[in-house]
C-alpha atoms as a PDB file:
ATOM      1  CA  MET A   1      11.688  27.799  14.417  1.00  0.00           C
ATOM      2  CA  GLN A   2       8.643  25.600  13.844  1.00  0.00           C
ATOM      3  CA  PRO A   3       9.042  21.827  13.707  1.00  0.00           C
ATOM      4  CA  ASP A   4       8.637  20.125  10.355  1.00  0.00           C
ATOM      5  CA  THR A   5       5.775  17.762  11.173  1.00  0.00           C
ATOM      6  CA  ILE A   6       3.282  15.872   9.079  1.00  0.00           C
ATOM      7  CA  VAL A   7      -0.385  15.792  10.022  1.00  0.00           C
ATOM      8  CA  PRO A   8      -1.544  12.166  10.422  1.00  0.00           C
ATOM      9  CA  ALA A   9      -3.952  11.001   7.741  1.00  0.00           C
ATOM     10  CA  GLU A  10      -7.520  10.301   8.737  1.00  0.00           C
ATOM     11  CA  VAL A  11      -8.286   6.647   8.060  1.00  0.00           C
ATOM     12  CA  GLU A  12     -11.688   5.186   7.349  1.00  0.00           C
ATOM     13  CA  THR A  13     -12.461   2.742  10.144  1.00  0.00           C
ATOM     14  CA  SER A  14     -14.508   0.427   7.949  1.00  0.00           C
ATOM     15  CA  SER A  15     -11.945  -0.076   5.190  1.00  0.00           C
ATOM     16  CA  GLU A  16     -10.401  -3.457   4.403  1.00  0.00           C
ATOM     17  CA  VAL A  17      -6.940  -3.485   2.864  1.00  0.00           C
ATOM     18  CA  MET A  18      -5.394  -6.581   1.308  1.00  0.00           C
ATOM     19  CA  ALA A  19      -2.120  -7.319  -0.441  1.00  0.00           C
ATOM     20  CA  SER A  20      -1.315  -9.908  -3.081  1.00  0.00           C
ATOM     21  CA  VAL A  21       1.431 -10.967  -5.465  1.00  0.00           C
ATOM     22  CA  GLU A  22       0.465 -11.602  -9.085  1.00  0.00           C
ATOM     23  CA  GLU A  23       2.926 -13.921 -10.804  1.00  0.00           C
ATOM     24  CA  GLY A  24       3.592 -13.582 -14.512  1.00  0.00           C
ATOM     25  CA  PRO A  25       6.291 -12.386 -16.898  1.00  0.00           C
ATOM     26  CA  VAL A  26       6.732  -9.540 -14.376  1.00  0.00           C
ATOM     27  CA  ASP A  27       5.735 -10.348 -10.791  1.00  0.00           C
ATOM     28  CA  ARG A  28       3.571  -7.548  -9.343  1.00  0.00           C
ATOM     29  CA  PHE A  29       2.681  -6.506  -5.790  1.00  0.00           C
ATOM     30  CA  ILE A  30      -0.941  -5.365  -5.456  1.00  0.00           C
ATOM     31  CA  LEU A  31      -2.285  -3.327  -2.532  1.00  0.00           C
ATOM     32  CA  ALA A  32      -6.046  -2.763  -2.532  1.00  0.00           C
ATOM     33  CA  ASP A  33      -8.776  -1.299  -0.346  1.00  0.00           C
ATOM     34  CA  ILE A  34     -11.527  -3.784  -1.131  1.00  0.00           C
ATOM     35  CA  SER A  35     -14.197  -1.589   0.502  1.00  0.00           C
ATOM     36  CA  GLN A  36     -13.781   1.023  -2.295  1.00  0.00           C
ATOM     37  CA  ASP A  37     -14.120   0.760  -6.061  1.00  0.00           C
ATOM     38  CA  ASP A  38     -10.880   1.384  -7.986  1.00  0.00           C
ATOM     39  CA  ALA A  39      -8.820   1.864  -4.798  1.00  0.00           C
ATOM     40  CA  PHE A  40      -5.676  -0.126  -5.571  1.00  0.00           C
ATOM     41  CA  MET A  41      -2.066   0.263  -6.585  1.00  0.00           C
ATOM     42  CA  THR A  42       0.379  -2.080  -8.279  1.00  0.00           C
ATOM     43  CA  LEU A  43       4.137  -2.075  -8.629  1.00  0.00           C
ATOM     44  CA  LYS A  44       6.863  -4.472  -9.667  1.00  0.00           C
ATOM     45  CA  LEU A  45       7.542  -6.927  -6.869  1.00  0.00           C
ATOM     46  CA  ASP A  46      11.249  -6.042  -7.001  1.00  0.00           C
ATOM     47  CA  ASP A  47      10.332  -2.409  -6.197  1.00  0.00           C
ATOM     48  CA  ALA A  48       8.082  -3.265  -3.222  1.00  0.00           C
ATOM     49  CA  ALA A  49       9.502  -2.830   0.271  1.00  0.00           C
ATOM     50  CA  SER A  50      10.048  -5.957   2.325  1.00  0.00           C
ATOM     51  CA  LEU A  51       8.262  -6.328   5.666  1.00  0.00           C
ATOM     52  CA  PRO A  52      11.418  -5.575   7.709  1.00  0.00           C
ATOM     53  CA  ALA A  53      11.905  -2.374   5.663  1.00  0.00           C
ATOM     54  CA  TRP A  54       8.359  -1.240   6.540  1.00  0.00           C
ATOM     55  CA  ARG A  55       9.005  -1.490  10.303  1.00  0.00           C
END
């Protein structure tokens, strides 16, 4: 039986990732790689994981 493993992703060493919260009618969490054009994701703040959940 072979183990069910995931190959680690290769990460660009020169990337810069930032997070932000945009307040409005619906608060949004934004995660962006500012070293790349159009490299971001947004989701409702209520759906974002808290820091303790990420550990």
